[in-house]
Amino acid sequence: MEKSNLNASEHRYRKERVGTVVSNKMQKTVVVQVMRLTQHPQYKKVIKLFKKYKAHDQNGVSKPGDKVLIRECKPISKTKRWRIVEVIKS
């Protein structure tokens, strides 16, 4: 089996999230806030949960307020494990 012909996304599953850029004050790094809806276990009310991810932005194209698609990748630094795939909405 040749691995050279396989793309990384075809080879194995990588998580993807859609979120909003909160900060771009670091070099080649942005903070992306991802919102998800879940139901409270006791009260059954739908609540919003937020989580922030640090993502690698090689070209520095995203700015705060942009909606971006991020994909999981190998660790780039101590806290960076995500990479920006595309800017969905500026």
Protein backbone atom coordinates (compact mmCIF):
# COMPACT_ATOMS: atom_id res chain seq x y z
CA MET A 1 0.00 0.00 0.00
CA GLU A 2 1.52 3.30 -1.09
CA LYS A 3 1.06 6.20 1.31
CA SER A 4 2.58 8.75 -1.05
CA ASN A 5 -0.57 8.87 -3.21
CA LEU A 6 -2.95 9.34 -0.29
CA ASN A 7 -3.90 12.80 0.90
CA ALA A 8 -3.84 13.40 4.69
CA SER A 9 -7.60 13.99 4.79
CA GLU A 10 -8.26 10.76 2.84
CA HIS A 11 -5.86 8.74 4.97
CA ARG A 12 -7.62 9.26 8.30
CA TYR A 13 -10.43 11.18 9.87
CA ARG A 14 -9.66 14.66 11.26
CA LYS A 15 -12.08 16.73 13.31
CA GLU A 16 -13.41 19.95 11.82
CA ARG A 17 -15.12 22.84 13.59
CA VAL A 18 -16.68 26.12 12.45
CA GLY A 19 -16.17 29.12 14.69
CA THR A 20 -15.58 32.84 14.97
CA VAL A 21 -12.15 34.46 15.26
CA VAL A 22 -11.91 36.25 18.61
CA SER A 23 -8.28 37.40 18.57
CA ASN A 24 -5.41 37.64 16.09
CA LYS A 25 -2.84 39.44 18.23
CA MET A 26 -0.28 36.61 18.08
CA GLN A 27 1.99 35.93 15.14
CA LYS A 28 0.51 33.24 12.81
CA THR A 29 -1.99 32.26 15.53
CA VAL A 30 -5.65 33.11 15.99
CA VAL A 31 -8.08 32.24 18.77
CA VAL A 32 -11.30 30.71 17.42
CA GLN A 33 -14.43 30.45 19.56
CA VAL A 34 -16.69 27.51 18.71
CA MET A 35 -20.30 27.38 19.91
CA ARG A 36 -22.30 24.19 20.32
CA LEU A 37 -25.82 23.50 21.55
CA THR A 38 -26.47 20.83 24.16
CA GLN A 39 -29.30 19.85 26.43
CA HIS A 40 -28.96 20.27 30.19
CA PRO A 41 -29.08 16.78 31.77
CA GLN A 42 -31.47 17.68 34.59
CA TYR A 43 -33.55 20.62 33.33
CA LYS A 44 -33.69 19.59 29.63
CA LYS A 45 -33.16 23.19 28.48
CA VAL A 46 -31.02 23.74 25.41
CA ILE A 47 -27.92 25.72 26.38
CA LYS A 48 -25.00 27.19 24.44
CA LEU A 49 -21.51 26.03 25.30
CA PHE A 50 -18.42 27.87 24.06
CA LYS A 51 -14.86 26.62 23.68
CA LYS A 52 -11.79 28.46 22.42
CA TYR A 53 -9.16 26.86 20.20
CA LYS A 54 -5.81 28.26 19.11
CA ALA A 55 -5.39 27.74 15.37
CA HIS A 56 -2.46 28.21 13.01
CA ASP A 57 -2.97 30.98 10.43
CA GLN A 58 0.03 30.80 8.09
CA ASN A 59 -0.80 33.81 5.90
CA GLY A 60 -2.50 35.95 8.54
CA VAL A 61 -5.65 36.41 6.43
CA SER A 62 -8.28 36.12 9.18
CA LYS A 63 -9.31 38.98 11.45
CA PRO A 64 -11.63 39.21 14.48
CA GLY A 65 -15.25 38.55 13.55
CA ASP A 66 -14.48 36.23 10.62
CA LYS A 67 -16.21 32.86 10.45
CA VAL A 68 -13.60 30.16 9.78
CA LEU A 69 -13.32 26.41 9.30
CA ILE A 70 -10.57 24.80 11.40
CA ARG A 71 -9.22 21.25 11.14
CA GLU A 72 -7.32 19.20 13.68
CA CYS A 73 -3.63 18.59 12.90
CA LYS A 74 -0.46 17.41 14.58
CA PRO A 75 0.75 19.61 17.46
CA ILE A 76 2.37 22.81 16.19
CA SER A 77 3.20 24.21 19.64
CA LYS A 78 2.27 23.62 23.28
CA THR A 79 -1.35 24.72 22.81
CA LYS A 80 -1.85 24.79 19.00
CA ARG A 81 -3.41 21.64 17.50
CA TRP A 82 -5.69 23.21 14.87
CA ARG A 83 -5.15 24.79 11.46
CA ILE A 84 -7.35 27.22 9.53
CA VAL A 85 -8.66 25.55 6.37
CA GLU A 86 -10.73 28.43 4.93
CA VAL A 87 -12.36 31.72 5.79
CA ILE A 88 -16.09 31.15 5.29
CA LYS A 89 -17.33 34.69 5.88
CA SER A 90 -15.36 37.91 6.42
